[in-house]
Amino acid sequence: MPRGLAFALVNGGFKPRPPGDGYPAIVSKKVLSGSGEALSFEQSLAEVEAIIRRVESGEVGLEDSIVQYERGVALIRQCRETLDRAEQRVVDLTSQMNSQMQGQVPAKATPPSPPGRG
């Protein structure tokens, strides 16, 4: 299988197919494992890497490569959403920490009173 398919998988080159084209659609935003459980970020990433290896090595035929590609795209989207949420959480926590620290002035930072006043 040409490297281009795996490269496009990783770099977001997927163009969704129109509904009703005879192929199964990915109906859930959450990509599920074979047992129906939601995959963690790490599991999703490991599966994307396995898909790339299978497609690049030629282990799968063209039709299965396309199915694998679609699953990989869904997994990558899920990973990106997870990373976006994590990044936003870090931004929010940093902002909260900075707001709390601005309200607290360390004792050493208090300027001394001028001599003869105070």
Protein backbone atom coordinates (compact mmCIF):
# COMPACT_ATOMS: atom_id res chain seq x y z
CA MET A 1 0.00 0.00 0.00
CA PRO A 2 1.39 3.44 -0.87
CA ARG A 3 2.66 5.61 1.96
CA GLY A 4 0.33 8.38 0.84
CA LEU A 5 -2.70 6.76 2.43
CA ALA A 6 -1.09 6.51 5.85
CA PHE A 7 0.37 10.01 5.50
CA ALA A 8 -3.05 11.41 4.68
CA LEU A 9 -4.50 9.52 7.64
CA VAL A 10 -2.12 11.20 10.06
CA ASN A 11 -2.25 14.62 8.44
CA GLY A 12 -6.01 14.96 8.18
CA GLY A 13 -6.39 14.42 4.44
CA PHE A 14 -9.71 12.63 4.89
CA LYS A 15 -12.73 13.80 2.93
CA PRO A 16 -16.00 12.40 4.33
CA ARG A 17 -18.17 10.37 2.00
CA PRO A 18 -21.77 11.34 1.36
CA PRO A 19 -24.36 9.41 3.38
CA GLY A 20 -25.91 6.39 1.72
CA ASP A 21 -22.89 5.42 -0.37
CA GLY A 22 -23.10 1.80 0.79
CA TYR A 23 -20.35 1.98 3.39
CA PRO A 24 -20.96 2.00 7.14
CA ALA A 25 -20.90 5.46 8.67
CA ILE A 26 -19.24 6.37 11.93
CA VAL A 27 -22.27 7.41 13.93
CA SER A 28 -20.74 8.20 17.29
CA LYS A 29 -18.22 10.89 18.07
CA LYS A 30 -16.66 8.47 20.54
CA VAL A 31 -14.78 5.69 18.82
CA LEU A 32 -15.47 2.41 20.55
CA SER A 33 -13.41 -0.72 20.99
CA GLY A 34 -14.60 -4.04 19.63
CA SER A 35 -16.34 -4.69 22.96
CA GLY A 36 -18.26 -1.39 22.76
CA GLU A 37 -16.21 0.50 25.36
CA ALA A 38 -14.90 4.00 24.73
CA LEU A 39 -11.18 4.04 24.00
CA SER A 40 -8.79 6.10 26.10
CA PHE A 41 -6.47 8.62 24.45
CA GLU A 42 -3.57 6.18 24.75
CA GLN A 43 -5.58 3.29 23.30
CA SER A 44 -6.74 5.45 20.40
CA LEU A 45 -3.21 6.59 19.63
CA ALA A 46 -1.90 3.01 19.76
CA GLU A 47 -4.63 1.88 17.39
CA VAL A 48 -3.82 4.68 14.93
CA GLU A 49 -0.17 3.59 14.97
CA ALA A 50 -1.23 -0.04 14.35
CA ILE A 51 -3.47 1.03 11.45
CA ILE A 52 -0.61 2.96 9.86
CA ARG A 53 1.70 -0.05 10.21
CA ARG A 54 -0.89 -2.40 8.63
CA VAL A 55 -1.68 -0.06 5.75
CA GLU A 56 1.95 0.83 5.00
CA SER A 57 3.09 -2.79 5.14
CA GLY A 58 0.43 -3.89 2.69
CA GLU A 59 -1.13 -6.34 5.15
CA VAL A 60 -4.59 -5.25 4.07
CA GLY A 61 -6.21 -4.85 0.68
CA LEU A 62 -7.59 -1.66 -0.80
CA GLU A 63 -11.13 -1.96 0.58
CA ASP A 64 -9.91 -2.81 4.08
CA SER A 65 -7.36 0.01 3.84
CA ILE A 66 -10.20 2.45 3.26
CA VAL A 67 -12.15 1.08 6.24
CA GLN A 68 -8.99 1.26 8.35
CA TYR A 69 -8.35 4.80 7.11
CA GLU A 70 -11.84 5.90 8.16
CA ARG A 71 -11.42 4.41 11.63
CA GLY A 72 -8.02 6.07 11.92
CA VAL A 73 -9.51 9.44 11.00
CA ALA A 74 -12.19 9.03 13.66
CA LEU A 75 -9.55 8.04 16.21
CA ILE A 76 -7.38 11.03 15.32
CA ARG A 77 -10.36 13.37 15.67
CA GLN A 78 -11.09 11.89 19.07
CA CYS A 79 -7.45 12.34 20.12
CA ARG A 80 -7.42 15.96 18.93
CA GLU A 81 -10.62 16.69 20.86
CA THR A 82 -9.11 15.13 23.98
CA LEU A 83 -5.93 17.20 23.56
CA ASP A 84 -7.97 20.38 22.99
CA ARG A 85 -9.92 19.76 26.20
CA ALA A 86 -6.71 19.06 28.12
CA GLU A 87 -5.09 22.23 26.77
CA GLN A 88 -8.13 24.30 27.75
CA ARG A 89 -8.06 22.82 31.22
CA VAL A 90 -4.39 23.78 31.62
CA VAL A 91 -5.18 27.32 30.43
CA ASP A 92 -8.09 27.57 32.90
CA LEU A 93 -6.04 26.24 35.81
CA THR A 94 -3.13 28.57 35.01
CA SER A 95 -5.51 31.51 34.85
CA GLN A 96 -7.05 30.57 38.21
CA MET A 97 -3.61 30.21 39.77
CA ASN A 98 -2.48 33.59 38.40
CA SER A 99 -5.67 35.27 39.67
CA GLN A 100 -5.15 33.82 43.13
CA MET A 101 -1.50 34.85 43.19
CA GLN A 102 -2.31 38.45 42.17
CA GLY A 103 -4.51 38.77 45.24
CA GLN A 104 -1.68 37.65 47.51
CA VAL A 105 1.39 39.84 47.94
CA PRO A 106 4.26 38.05 49.68
CA ALA A 107 5.45 39.67 52.91
CA LYS A 108 8.95 40.26 51.51
CA ALA A 109 7.54 42.17 48.55
CA THR A 110 5.90 44.83 50.74
CA PRO A 111 7.92 48.03 50.38
CA PRO A 112 9.32 49.38 53.65
CA SER A 113 7.81 52.53 55.12
CA PRO A 114 9.92 55.65 54.52
CA PRO A 115 11.93 56.68 57.62
CA GLY A 116 10.15 59.05 59.94
CA ARG A 117 6.69 58.15 58.59
CA GLY A 118 4.43 55.48 59.82
